[in-house]
C-alpha atoms as a PDB file:
ATOM      1  CA  MET A   1     110.155  80.391 171.502  1.00  0.00           C
ATOM      2  CA  ARG A   2     109.998  78.316 174.788  1.00  0.00           C
ATOM      3  CA  ASP A   3     110.554  79.548 178.168  1.00  0.00           C
ATOM      4  CA  LEU A   4     114.414  79.342 179.230  1.00  0.00           C
ATOM      5  CA  ARG A   5     114.815  76.916 181.902  1.00  0.00           C
ATOM      6  CA  THR A   6     117.506  76.629 184.782  1.00  0.00           C
ATOM      7  CA  ALA A   7     119.129  73.665 183.455  1.00  0.00           C
ATOM      8  CA  ASP A   8     119.933  75.636 180.273  1.00  0.00           C
ATOM      9  CA  PHE A   9     122.552  77.263 182.602  1.00  0.00           C
ATOM     10  CA  ASP A  10     124.233  74.352 183.838  1.00  0.00           C
ATOM     11  CA  PHE A  11     127.743  73.516 182.777  1.00  0.00           C
ATOM     12  CA  ASP A  12     130.511  71.079 184.213  1.00  0.00           C
ATOM     13  CA  LEU A  13     132.383  73.096 186.701  1.00  0.00           C
ATOM     14  CA  PRO A  14     135.151  71.014 188.531  1.00  0.00           C
ATOM     15  CA  GLN A  15     135.217  71.666 192.231  1.00  0.00           C
ATOM     16  CA  GLU A  16     138.683  72.331 192.028  1.00  0.00           C
ATOM     17  CA  ARG A  17     138.111  75.609 190.016  1.00  0.00           C
ATOM     18  CA  ILE A  18     136.260  77.208 193.040  1.00  0.00           C
ATOM     19  CA  ALA A  19     138.748  79.319 194.712  1.00  0.00           C
ATOM     20  CA  GLN A  20     139.191  78.855 198.239  1.00  0.00           C
ATOM     21  CA  THR A  21     141.517  82.102 198.754  1.00  0.00           C
ATOM     22  CA  ALA A  22     141.881  85.336 197.520  1.00  0.00           C
ATOM     23  CA  CYS A  23     144.855  86.301 195.118  1.00  0.00           C
ATOM     24  CA  GLU A  24     147.613  88.391 196.459  1.00  0.00           C
ATOM     25  CA  PRO A  25     148.202  90.985 195.538  1.00  0.00           C
ATOM     26  CA  ARG A  26     144.512  91.730 194.813  1.00  0.00           C
ATOM     27  CA  ASP A  27     145.013  92.888 191.185  1.00  0.00           C
ATOM     28  CA  TYR A  28     147.307  90.102 190.239  1.00  0.00           C
ATOM     29  CA  ALA A  29     144.243  88.061 189.756  1.00  0.00           C
ATOM     30  CA  ARG A  30     143.949  86.814 186.189  1.00  0.00           C
ATOM     31  CA  LEU A  31     141.324  88.524 183.690  1.00  0.00           C
ATOM     32  CA  LEU A  32     139.746  87.128 180.741  1.00  0.00           C
ATOM     33  CA  ARG A  33     138.694  89.694 178.023  1.00  0.00           C
ATOM     34  CA  ILE A  34     135.361  88.404 176.547  1.00  0.00           C
ATOM     35  CA  THR A  35     134.430  90.460 173.141  1.00  0.00           C
ATOM     36  CA  PRO A  36     131.742  88.937 170.642  1.00  0.00           C
ATOM     37  CA  ASP A  37     134.558  87.390 168.377  1.00  0.00           C
ATOM     38  CA  ALA A  38     137.778  86.941 170.802  1.00  0.00           C
ATOM     39  CA  PHE A  39     139.113  85.876 174.339  1.00  0.00           C
ATOM     40  CA  SER A  40     142.500  87.128 175.406  1.00  0.00           C
ATOM     41  CA  ASP A  41     144.334  86.429 178.810  1.00  0.00           C
ATOM     42  CA  HIS A  42     145.334  89.345 181.134  1.00  0.00           C
ATOM     43  CA  HIS A  43     145.758  90.538 184.609  1.00  0.00           C
ATOM     44  CA  VAL A  44     143.460  92.644 186.504  1.00  0.00           C
ATOM     45  CA  PHE A  45     146.435  95.172 186.865  1.00  0.00           C
ATOM     46  CA  ASP A  46     146.081  95.480 182.962  1.00  0.00           C
ATOM     47  CA  LEU A  47     143.154  97.315 183.009  1.00  0.00           C
ATOM     48  CA  PRO A  48     144.573 100.666 182.757  1.00  0.00           C
ATOM     49  CA  ASP A  49     145.888  99.313 179.046  1.00  0.00           C
ATOM     50  CA  LEU A  50     142.583  97.637 178.037  1.00  0.00           C
ATOM     51  CA  LEU A  51     140.333 100.477 179.194  1.00  0.00           C
ATOM     52  CA  ARG A  52     139.947 103.820 177.161  1.00  0.00           C
ATOM     53  CA  ALA A  53     140.711 107.144 178.231  1.00  0.00           C
ATOM     54  CA  GLY A  54     137.131 108.640 179.428  1.00  0.00           C
ATOM     55  CA  ASP A  55     135.566 105.517 180.128  1.00  0.00           C
ATOM     56  CA  PHE A  56     133.365 105.839 183.232  1.00  0.00           C
ATOM     57  CA  LEU A  57     133.722 103.024 186.153  1.00  0.00           C
ATOM     58  CA  VAL A  58     130.673 102.441 188.646  1.00  0.00           C
ATOM     59  CA  MET A  59     131.501 100.573 191.722  1.00  0.00           C
ATOM     60  CA  ASN A  60     129.354  99.507 194.670  1.00  0.00           C
ATOM     61  CA  ASP A  61     130.690 100.889 197.989  1.00  0.00           C
ATOM     62  CA  THR A  62     128.829  98.791 200.266  1.00  0.00           C
ATOM     63  CA  ARG A  63     130.558  97.111 203.238  1.00  0.00           C
ATOM     64  CA  VAL A  64     130.233  93.659 204.485  1.00  0.00           C
ATOM     65  CA  ILE A  65     129.100  93.324 208.204  1.00  0.00           C
ATOM     66  CA  PRO A  66     130.066  90.185 210.127  1.00  0.00           C
ATOM     67  CA  ALA A  67     126.536  88.761 209.454  1.00  0.00           C
ATOM     68  CA  ARG A  68     127.116  85.180 210.272  1.00  0.00           C
ATOM     69  CA  LEU A  69     126.209  84.677 214.163  1.00  0.00           C
ATOM     70  CA  TYR A  70     126.198  81.261 216.235  1.00  0.00           C
ATOM     71  CA  GLY A  71     123.736  81.169 219.154  1.00  0.00           C
ATOM     72  CA  MET A  72     121.983  78.799 221.414  1.00  0.00           C
ATOM     73  CA  ARG A  73     118.532  78.058 221.494  1.00  0.00           C
ATOM     74  CA  GLY A  74     117.863  76.446 224.634  1.00  0.00           C
ATOM     75  CA  ALA A  75     120.860  73.652 224.526  1.00  0.00           C
ATOM     76  CA  VAL A  76     120.594  73.631 220.568  1.00  0.00           C
ATOM     77  CA  ARG A  77     123.283  75.366 218.693  1.00  0.00           C
ATOM     78  CA  VAL A  78     121.942  77.635 215.995  1.00  0.00           C
ATOM     79  CA  GLU A  79     123.712  79.184 213.044  1.00  0.00           C
ATOM     80  CA  VAL A  80     122.163  82.553 211.904  1.00  0.00           C
ATOM     81  CA  LEU A  81     123.076  84.192 208.599  1.00  0.00           C
ATOM     82  CA  LEU A  82     121.531  87.827 208.508  1.00  0.00           C
ATOM     83  CA  HIS A  83     120.011  88.796 205.215  1.00  0.00           C
ATOM     84  CA  LYS A  84     118.651  92.216 205.266  1.00  0.00           C
ATOM     85  CA  LYS A  85     117.832  94.917 207.638  1.00  0.00           C
ATOM     86  CA  GLN A  86     113.976  95.914 208.362  1.00  0.00           C
ATOM     87  CA  ALA A  87     112.925  98.208 211.207  1.00  0.00           C
ATOM     88  CA  ASN A  88     114.837  99.487 213.852  1.00  0.00           C
ATOM     89  CA  SER A  89     116.537  96.410 215.564  1.00  0.00           C
ATOM     90  CA  THR A  90     115.068  93.743 213.387  1.00  0.00           C
ATOM     91  CA  TRP A  91     116.559  91.418 210.477  1.00  0.00           C
ATOM     92  CA  LEU A  92     115.321  88.860 207.823  1.00  0.00           C
ATOM     93  CA  ALA A  93     117.683  86.052 208.195  1.00  0.00           C
ATOM     94  CA  PHE A  94     118.508  82.426 207.577  1.00  0.00           C
ATOM     95  CA  ALA A  95     118.838  79.993 210.315  1.00  0.00           C
ATOM     96  CA  ARG A  96     120.175  76.455 210.787  1.00  0.00           C
ATOM     97  CA  PRO A  97     118.560  74.298 211.953  1.00  0.00           C
ATOM     98  CA  GLY A  98     115.351  76.463 211.544  1.00  0.00           C
ATOM     99  CA  LYS A  99     112.481  73.974 211.305  1.00  0.00           C
ATOM    100  CA  ARG A 100     112.061  73.630 215.072  1.00  0.00           C
ATOM    101  CA  LEU A 101     112.431  77.184 215.659  1.00  0.00           C
ATOM    102  CA  ARG A 102     109.113  78.484 217.209  1.00  0.00           C
ATOM    103  CA  LEU A 103     107.717  82.169 217.226  1.00  0.00           C
ATOM    104  CA  GLY A 104     108.631  84.062 220.206  1.00  0.00           C
ATOM    105  CA  GLU A 105     111.836  81.749 221.153  1.00  0.00           C
ATOM    106  CA  THR A 106     115.073  83.700 221.928  1.00  0.00           C
ATOM    107  CA  ILE A 107     118.258  83.069 220.403  1.00  0.00           C
ATOM    108  CA  ARG A 108     121.434  83.848 222.644  1.00  0.00           C
ATOM    109  CA  PHE A 109     124.523  84.942 221.173  1.00  0.00           C
ATOM    110  CA  ALA A 110     126.192  86.235 224.507  1.00  0.00           C
ATOM    111  CA  PRO A 111     124.615  87.020 227.864  1.00  0.00           C
ATOM    112  CA  ASP A 112     123.749  90.375 226.863  1.00  0.00           C
ATOM    113  CA  PHE A 113     123.138  89.737 223.235  1.00  0.00           C
ATOM    114  CA  THR A 114     119.958  87.997 221.939  1.00  0.00           C
ATOM    115  CA  ALA A 115     117.322  87.850 219.221  1.00  0.00           C
ATOM    116  CA  GLU A 116     113.707  86.850 219.580  1.00  0.00           C
ATOM    117  CA  LEU A 117     111.840  85.152 216.382  1.00  0.00           C
ATOM    118  CA  LEU A 118     108.845  87.226 215.333  1.00  0.00           C
ATOM    119  CA  GLU A 119     108.193  85.495 211.941  1.00  0.00           C
ATOM    120  CA  LYS A 120     108.725  82.402 209.850  1.00  0.00           C
ATOM    121  CA  ARG A 121     108.473  82.580 206.259  1.00  0.00           C
ATOM    122  CA  GLU A 122     107.695  80.147 203.621  1.00  0.00           C
ATOM    123  CA  SER A 123     110.725  81.164 201.572  1.00  0.00           C
ATOM    124  CA  GLY A 124     112.753  80.029 204.543  1.00  0.00           C
ATOM    125  CA  GLU A 125     113.671  83.498 206.105  1.00  0.00           C
ATOM    126  CA  ILE A 126     112.938  84.263 209.389  1.00  0.00           C
ATOM    127  CA  LEU A 127     112.435  87.554 211.095  1.00  0.00           C
ATOM    128  CA  LEU A 128     114.548  88.313 214.232  1.00  0.00           C
ATOM    129  CA  ARG A 129     114.273  91.469 216.438  1.00  0.00           C
ATOM    130  CA  PHE A 130     117.629  91.887 218.279  1.00  0.00           C
ATOM    131  CA  ASN A 131     117.335  93.082 222.086  1.00  0.00           C
ATOM    132  CA  VAL A 132     119.614  96.335 221.231  1.00  0.00           C
ATOM    133  CA  GLN A 133     119.057  99.349 219.105  1.00  0.00           C
ATOM    134  CA  ASP A 134     120.789  99.501 215.657  1.00  0.00           C
ATOM    135  CA  ALA A 135     123.428 101.897 216.949  1.00  0.00           C
ATOM    136  CA  ASP A 136     124.672  99.200 219.374  1.00  0.00           C
ATOM    137  CA  LEU A 137     124.108  96.283 217.052  1.00  0.00           C
ATOM    138  CA  LEU A 138     127.352  96.819 214.644  1.00  0.00           C
ATOM    139  CA  PRO A 139     129.629  96.648 217.571  1.00  0.00           C
ATOM    140  CA  LEU A 140     128.267  93.513 218.858  1.00  0.00           C
ATOM    141  CA  LEU A 141     128.162  91.998 215.040  1.00  0.00           C
ATOM    142  CA  HIS A 142     131.877  92.880 215.309  1.00  0.00           C
ATOM    143  CA  GLU A 143     132.301  91.028 218.803  1.00  0.00           C
ATOM    144  CA  HIS A 144     130.560  88.066 218.115  1.00  0.00           C
ATOM    145  CA  GLY A 145     129.889  87.590 214.223  1.00  0.00           C
ATOM    146  CA  GLU A 146     132.319  86.564 211.652  1.00  0.00           C
ATOM    147  CA  PRO A 147     132.556  87.321 207.689  1.00  0.00           C
ATOM    148  CA  PRO A 148     129.553  85.572 205.897  1.00  0.00           C
ATOM    149  CA  LEU A 149     131.961  83.824 203.355  1.00  0.00           C
ATOM    150  CA  PRO A 150     129.880  81.828 200.715  1.00  0.00           C
ATOM    151  CA  PRO A 151     129.198  77.972 201.455  1.00  0.00           C
ATOM    152  CA  TYR A 152     131.520  77.375 198.610  1.00  0.00           C
ATOM    153  CA  ILE A 153     134.695  78.405 200.594  1.00  0.00           C
ATOM    154  CA  LYS A 154     135.367  75.943 202.908  1.00  0.00           C
ATOM    155  CA  ARG A 155     136.611  76.954 206.411  1.00  0.00           C
ATOM    156  CA  GLU A 156     136.485  74.203 209.035  1.00  0.00           C
ATOM    157  CA  ALA A 157     136.914  76.893 211.669  1.00  0.00           C
ATOM    158  CA  GLY A 158     134.763  79.226 210.434  1.00  0.00           C
ATOM    159  CA  ALA A 159     136.243  82.532 208.490  1.00  0.00           C
ATOM    160  CA  ALA A 160     139.725  83.136 209.010  1.00  0.00           C
ATOM    161  CA  LYS A 161     140.974  86.560 210.321  1.00  0.00           C
ATOM    162  CA  ASP A 162     142.408  87.227 206.791  1.00  0.00           C
ATOM    163  CA  ASP A 163     138.728  86.997 205.519  1.00  0.00           C
ATOM    164  CA  THR A 164     137.869  89.904 207.351  1.00  0.00           C
ATOM    165  CA  ILE A 165     140.092  92.153 205.328  1.00  0.00           C
ATOM    166  CA  ARG A 166     140.160  90.331 202.177  1.00  0.00           C
ATOM    167  CA  TYR A 167     136.297  89.821 201.947  1.00  0.00           C
ATOM    168  CA  GLN A 168     136.048  93.521 201.581  1.00  0.00           C
ATOM    169  CA  THR A 169     136.821  96.207 198.924  1.00  0.00           C
ATOM    170  CA  VAL A 170     139.347  98.705 199.550  1.00  0.00           C
ATOM    171  CA  TYR A 171     136.685 101.279 198.931  1.00  0.00           C
ATOM    172  CA  ALA A 172     133.888  99.814 201.329  1.00  0.00           C
ATOM    173  CA  ALA A 173     132.404 102.828 202.889  1.00  0.00           C
ATOM    174  CA  ARG A 174     128.655 102.161 204.030  1.00  0.00           C
ATOM    175  CA  ASP A 175     127.695  98.944 206.265  1.00  0.00           C
ATOM    176  CA  GLY A 176     124.940  96.696 205.377  1.00  0.00           C
ATOM    177  CA  ALA A 177     125.926  93.906 202.948  1.00  0.00           C
ATOM    178  CA  VAL A 178     126.202  90.328 203.900  1.00  0.00           C
ATOM    179  CA  ALA A 179     127.915  89.229 200.951  1.00  0.00           C
ATOM    180  CA  ALA A 180     130.976  91.024 199.241  1.00  0.00           C
ATOM    181  CA  PRO A 181     130.757  92.909 195.685  1.00  0.00           C
ATOM    182  CA  THR A 182     133.280  90.601 194.533  1.00  0.00           C
ATOM    183  CA  ALA A 183     134.693  91.855 191.267  1.00  0.00           C
ATOM    184  CA  GLY A 184     135.923  95.018 193.366  1.00  0.00           C
ATOM    185  CA  LEU A 185     137.766  92.831 195.602  1.00  0.00           C
ATOM    186  CA  HIS A 186     140.504  92.712 192.872  1.00  0.00           C
ATOM    187  CA  PHE A 187     140.984  96.682 193.029  1.00  0.00           C
ATOM    188  CA  THR A 188     143.660  98.427 194.798  1.00  0.00           C
ATOM    189  CA  PRO A 189     144.365 102.066 195.576  1.00  0.00           C
ATOM    190  CA  GLU A 190     147.662 101.927 193.214  1.00  0.00           C
ATOM    191  CA  LEU A 191     145.397 100.573 190.539  1.00  0.00           C
ATOM    192  CA  LEU A 192     142.497 103.258 190.949  1.00  0.00           C
ATOM    193  CA  ALA A 193     145.249 105.931 190.703  1.00  0.00           C
ATOM    194  CA  LYS A 194     146.584 104.539 187.598  1.00  0.00           C
ATOM    195  CA  LEU A 195     143.138 104.103 186.048  1.00  0.00           C
ATOM    196  CA  ALA A 196     142.629 107.934 187.093  1.00  0.00           C
ATOM    197  CA  ALA A 197     145.759 109.129 185.806  1.00  0.00           C
ATOM    198  CA  LYS A 198     144.830 107.684 182.430  1.00  0.00           C
ATOM    199  CA  GLY A 199     141.647 109.735 182.261  1.00  0.00           C
ATOM    200  CA  ILE A 200     139.158 106.904 183.428  1.00  0.00           C
ATOM    201  CA  THR A 201     136.930 108.418 185.821  1.00  0.00           C
ATOM    202  CA  SER A 202     134.706 106.426 188.458  1.00  0.00           C
ATOM    203  CA  ALA A 203     131.764 107.102 190.838  1.00  0.00           C
ATOM    204  CA  LEU A 204     130.486 105.056 193.900  1.00  0.00           C
ATOM    205  CA  VAL A 205     126.738 103.599 194.139  1.00  0.00           C
ATOM    206  CA  THR A 206     125.282 101.482 196.646  1.00  0.00           C
ATOM    207  CA  LEU A 207     123.780  97.980 196.788  1.00  0.00           C
ATOM    208  CA  HIS A 208     123.756  96.064 199.995  1.00  0.00           C
ATOM    209  CA  VAL A 209     124.268  92.498 198.834  1.00  0.00           C
ATOM    210  CA  GLY A 210     121.949  89.945 200.522  1.00  0.00           C
ATOM    211  CA  ALA A 211     122.417  86.435 201.287  1.00  0.00           C
ATOM    212  CA  GLY A 212     120.132  85.791 198.545  1.00  0.00           C
ATOM    213  CA  THR A 213     122.995  85.982 195.850  1.00  0.00           C
ATOM    214  CA  PHE A 214     123.947  82.342 197.685  1.00  0.00           C
ATOM    215  CA  LEU A 215     120.734  80.734 197.137  1.00  0.00           C
ATOM    216  CA  PRO A 216     120.175  78.215 194.425  1.00  0.00           C
ATOM    217  CA  VAL A 217     117.474  78.684 191.557  1.00  0.00           C
ATOM    218  CA  LYS A 218     114.894  76.266 192.639  1.00  0.00           C
ATOM    219  CA  ALA A 219     112.224  76.800 189.903  1.00  0.00           C
ATOM    220  CA  ASP A 220     112.387  75.062 186.843  1.00  0.00           C
ATOM    221  CA  VAL A 221     111.722  77.633 184.360  1.00  0.00           C
ATOM    222  CA  ILE A 222     113.575  80.856 185.386  1.00  0.00           C
ATOM    223  CA  LYS A 223     110.659  83.238 184.999  1.00  0.00           C
ATOM    224  CA  ASP A 224     109.195  81.699 187.968  1.00  0.00           C
ATOM    225  CA  HIS A 225     112.254  82.419 190.284  1.00  0.00           C
ATOM    226  CA  VAL A 226     111.802  84.921 192.887  1.00  0.00           C
ATOM    227  CA  MET A 227     114.787  87.208 193.760  1.00  0.00           C
ATOM    228  CA  HIS A 228     115.309  88.566 197.199  1.00  0.00           C
ATOM    229  CA  ALA A 229     115.115  92.333 197.244  1.00  0.00           C
ATOM    230  CA  GLU A 230     118.451  94.352 198.132  1.00  0.00           C
ATOM    231  CA  TRP A 231     118.545  97.978 198.904  1.00  0.00           C
ATOM    232  CA  GLY A 232     120.345 100.208 196.633  1.00  0.00           C
ATOM    233  CA  GLU A 233     121.206 103.981 196.257  1.00  0.00           C
ATOM    234  CA  ILE A 234     122.497 106.167 193.693  1.00  0.00           C
ATOM    235  CA  SER A 235     122.942 109.905 194.802  1.00  0.00           C
ATOM    236  CA  PRO A 236     121.691 112.747 192.505  1.00  0.00           C
ATOM    237  CA  ALA A 237     125.167 113.835 191.630  1.00  0.00           C
ATOM    238  CA  THR A 238     126.368 110.210 190.746  1.00  0.00           C
ATOM    239  CA  ALA A 239     123.293 109.807 188.442  1.00  0.00           C
ATOM    240  CA  GLU A 240     123.963 113.452 186.646  1.00  0.00           C
ATOM    241  CA  ALA A 241     127.694 112.421 186.175  1.00  0.00           C
ATOM    242  CA  ILE A 242     126.941 109.105 184.945  1.00  0.00           C
ATOM    243  CA  ASN A 243     124.175 110.899 182.659  1.00  0.00           C
ATOM    244  CA  GLN A 244     126.889 113.575 181.284  1.00  0.00           C
ATOM    245  CA  ALA A 245     129.526 110.917 180.574  1.00  0.00           C
ATOM    246  CA  ARG A 246     126.791 109.097 178.332  1.00  0.00           C
ATOM    247  CA  ARG A 247     125.858 112.280 176.689  1.00  0.00           C
ATOM    248  CA  GLU A 248     129.622 112.869 175.930  1.00  0.00           C
ATOM    249  CA  GLY A 249     129.573 109.238 174.233  1.00  0.00           C
ATOM    250  CA  ARG A 250     131.958 107.676 176.872  1.00  0.00           C
ATOM    251  CA  ARG A 251     131.300 104.043 178.310  1.00  0.00           C
ATOM    252  CA  ILE A 252     129.877 103.081 181.261  1.00  0.00           C
ATOM    253  CA  ILE A 253     131.524 100.378 182.797  1.00  0.00           C
ATOM    254  CA  SER A 254     130.240  98.258 185.847  1.00  0.00           C
ATOM    255  CA  VAL A 255     132.415  96.917 188.344  1.00  0.00           C
ATOM    256  CA  GLY A 256     130.467  93.903 189.252  1.00  0.00           C
ATOM    257  CA  THR A 257     126.972  92.638 188.827  1.00  0.00           C
ATOM    258  CA  THR A 258     125.606  94.524 191.946  1.00  0.00           C
ATOM    259  CA  SER A 259     126.610  97.764 190.662  1.00  0.00           C
ATOM    260  CA  LEU A 260     124.855  96.787 187.377  1.00  0.00           C
ATOM    261  CA  ARG A 261     121.757  95.778 188.974  1.00  0.00           C
ATOM    262  CA  VAL A 262     121.301  98.977 191.030  1.00  0.00           C
ATOM    263  CA  LEU A 263     122.052 101.232 187.662  1.00  0.00           C
ATOM    264  CA  GLU A 264     119.633  98.846 185.508  1.00  0.00           C
ATOM    265  CA  SER A 265     117.099  99.479 188.314  1.00  0.00           C
ATOM    266  CA  ALA A 266     117.522 103.424 188.100  1.00  0.00           C
ATOM    267  CA  ALA A 267     117.681 103.835 184.304  1.00  0.00           C
ATOM    268  CA  ASP A 268     114.631 104.757 182.538  1.00  0.00           C
ATOM    269  CA  GLU A 269     113.509 103.559 179.091  1.00  0.00           C
ATOM    270  CA  ASN A 270     115.816 105.858 177.603  1.00  0.00           C
ATOM    271  CA  GLY A 271     118.850 105.017 179.492  1.00  0.00           C
ATOM    272  CA  ILE A 272     118.869 108.053 181.900  1.00  0.00           C
ATOM    273  CA  VAL A 273     119.762 107.280 185.466  1.00  0.00           C
ATOM    274  CA  ARG A 274     117.496 108.690 188.024  1.00  0.00           C
ATOM    275  CA  PRO A 275     118.337 109.210 191.699  1.00  0.00           C
ATOM    276  CA  PHE A 276     117.523 105.955 193.407  1.00  0.00           C
ATOM    277  CA  SER A 277     117.083 105.142 197.082  1.00  0.00           C
ATOM    278  CA  GLN A 278     115.033 102.092 197.695  1.00  0.00           C
ATOM    279  CA  ASP A 279     115.059  98.301 197.216  1.00  0.00           C
ATOM    280  CA  THR A 280     115.215  96.376 193.999  1.00  0.00           C
ATOM    281  CA  ALA A 281     114.569  92.638 193.354  1.00  0.00           C
ATOM    282  CA  ILE A 282     115.434  93.192 189.430  1.00  0.00           C
ATOM    283  CA  PHE A 283     116.175  89.559 187.867  1.00  0.00           C
ATOM    284  CA  ILE A 284     118.161  90.150 184.514  1.00  0.00           C
ATOM    285  CA  THR A 285     117.985  86.997 182.151  1.00  0.00           C
ATOM    286  CA  PRO A 286     118.626  86.666 178.430  1.00  0.00           C
ATOM    287  CA  GLY A 287     116.176  88.963 176.472  1.00  0.00           C
ATOM    288  CA  TYR A 288     116.723  91.870 179.220  1.00  0.00           C
ATOM    289  CA  ARG A 289     117.761  95.379 177.111  1.00  0.00           C
ATOM    290  CA  PHE A 290     120.175  97.032 178.984  1.00  0.00           C
ATOM    291  CA  ARG A 291     119.928 100.558 179.275  1.00  0.00           C
ATOM    292  CA  ALA A 292     122.495 101.905 181.603  1.00  0.00           C
ATOM    293  CA  VAL A 293     125.766  99.647 181.071  1.00  0.00           C
ATOM    294  CA  ASP A 294     127.956  99.172 178.375  1.00  0.00           C
ATOM    295  CA  ALA A 295     130.638  96.800 179.624  1.00  0.00           C
ATOM    296  CA  LEU A 296     130.840  94.687 182.619  1.00  0.00           C
ATOM    297  CA  ILE A 297     133.991  93.640 184.984  1.00  0.00           C
ATOM    298  CA  THR A 298     132.628  90.590 186.952  1.00  0.00           C
ATOM    299  CA  ASN A 299     134.080  87.195 188.312  1.00  0.00           C
ATOM    300  CA  PHE A 300     133.450  83.830 187.159  1.00  0.00           C
ATOM    301  CA  HIS A 301     129.946  82.427 188.475  1.00  0.00           C
ATOM    302  CA  LEU A 302     128.380  79.175 189.264  1.00  0.00           C
ATOM    303  CA  PRO A 303     126.341  77.008 186.997  1.00  0.00           C
ATOM    304  CA  GLN A 304     122.643  77.853 187.230  1.00  0.00           C
ATOM    305  CA  SER A 305     122.790  80.728 189.285  1.00  0.00           C
ATOM    306  CA  THR A 306     121.090  84.147 188.583  1.00  0.00           C
ATOM    307  CA  LEU A 307     124.702  85.822 188.064  1.00  0.00           C
ATOM    308  CA  PHE A 308     125.343  83.323 185.274  1.00  0.00           C
ATOM    309  CA  MET A 309     121.958  84.118 183.697  1.00  0.00           C
ATOM    310  CA  LEU A 310     122.992  87.883 184.048  1.00  0.00           C
ATOM    311  CA  VAL A 311     126.296  87.509 182.384  1.00  0.00           C
ATOM    312  CA  SER A 312     124.437  85.452 179.445  1.00  0.00           C
ATOM    313  CA  ALA A 313     121.895  88.503 178.921  1.00  0.00           C
ATOM    314  CA  PHE A 314     124.706  90.582 178.625  1.00  0.00           C
ATOM    315  CA  MET A 315     126.853  88.812 176.127  1.00  0.00           C
ATOM    316  CA  GLY A 316     124.554  85.817 174.811  1.00  0.00           C
ATOM    317  CA  LEU A 317     124.226  82.486 176.748  1.00  0.00           C
ATOM    318  CA  GLU A 318     126.049  80.626 173.796  1.00  0.00           C
ATOM    319  CA  ARG A 319     129.024  83.152 173.953  1.00  0.00           C
ATOM    320  CA  MET A 320     129.297  82.678 177.629  1.00  0.00           C
ATOM    321  CA  ARG A 321     129.076  78.978 177.612  1.00  0.00           C
ATOM    322  CA  GLU A 322     131.971  79.231 175.306  1.00  0.00           C
ATOM    323  CA  ALA A 323     133.912  81.723 177.617  1.00  0.00           C
ATOM    324  CA  TYR A 324     133.112  79.515 180.680  1.00  0.00           C
ATOM    325  CA  ALA A 325     134.567  76.279 178.819  1.00  0.00           C
ATOM    326  CA  TYR A 326     137.584  78.460 177.866  1.00  0.00           C
ATOM    327  CA  ALA A 327     137.992  79.693 181.630  1.00  0.00           C
ATOM    328  CA  ILE A 328     137.826  76.014 182.855  1.00  0.00           C
ATOM    329  CA  LYS A 329     140.376  74.722 180.219  1.00  0.00           C
ATOM    330  CA  ASN A 330     142.878  77.252 180.824  1.00  0.00           C
ATOM    331  CA  ASN A 331     142.457  76.936 184.914  1.00  0.00           C
ATOM    332  CA  TYR A 332     140.800  80.384 185.587  1.00  0.00           C
ATOM    333  CA  ARG A 333     139.514  80.177 189.560  1.00  0.00           C
ATOM    334  CA  PHE A 334     135.728  80.751 189.925  1.00  0.00           C
ATOM    335  CA  TYR A 335     133.337  82.499 192.363  1.00  0.00           C
ATOM    336  CA  SER A 336     133.940  85.086 195.198  1.00  0.00           C
ATOM    337  CA  TYR A 337     137.788  84.709 195.599  1.00  0.00           C
ATOM    338  CA  GLY A 338     138.163  83.661 192.079  1.00  0.00           C
ATOM    339  CA  ASP A 339     139.671  85.502 189.076  1.00  0.00           C
ATOM    340  CA  ALA A 340     137.749  88.160 186.831  1.00  0.00           C
ATOM    341  CA  SER A 341     136.407  88.812 183.293  1.00  0.00           C
ATOM    342  CA  PHE A 342     135.889  92.145 181.191  1.00  0.00           C
ATOM    343  CA  LEU A 343     132.635  91.709 179.050  1.00  0.00           C
ATOM    344  CA  GLU A 344     132.717  93.996 175.975  1.00  0.00           C
ATOM    345  CA  LYS A 345     129.776  94.121 173.681  1.00  0.00           C
ATOM    346  CA  THR A 346     132.173  95.813 171.182  1.00  0.00           C
END
């Protein structure tokens, strides 16, 4: 069997299908239920009727930080997108324009807020050291930064004030992401209460989503693509709750690909989820054997993206091609601010 190629995951997505604004109310977004033999149209607020009593939802509680900054390198304006926290006061980032940046140069975001360029990497990343300690950095990001919306969401003047609220889940709790776990954007406190009333339990895990989620796959053969690492955590109590649910024959349903990735990173060959607190660069493609997750709620992803590869691994490439063709024909909205899908293997 030949190696899968990035081109195998291409499809024609009209630009107008990429959502520019989020649905309001959140749970009025459309929801396409995808099974091996049927498609059916719903809304996210229908989830209490679509899920089974006893299902166990796993959600990502990461909070998006204002990770996009605009500064000056001398007389040149520089855009910086923070990517992943390193040691104290240092972050990996992407910069535009970045080629002319030189080691030791300072980017000034405000009179008392600067960063020094420590390293340039072949991957295009740079390593910055801020002139403040970690405890002081977040307030400065809130003052001078903006939500790091994907490049596919067009904002002539940068992220709008509404994006600060809307590009965040209602259960976000742990600062550190530079991209939202977008399947969770559809949930409301009222919907969560209705799910709980039906006997559907839930737990929170953490994966601080990095800017690498926006990057295209440049390798022709997908096995040559290198994922950026992201930090994740599953507490011992949450791991045990998930394992207990599985022992009782209940379905583990991941809300989003980020929750799925940290669950699969923490699961052993027998599907037992272990406590987890480390980086993961797991890259899930067709042929992967899922160990921890039985069903998936996720948005619609872009052609040739690692996320479309992941859902194709979950349901099969041809099935997802059919599902996305159906979604495009029926005017579903794609990507971060778009509609949702519910993938059930059985």
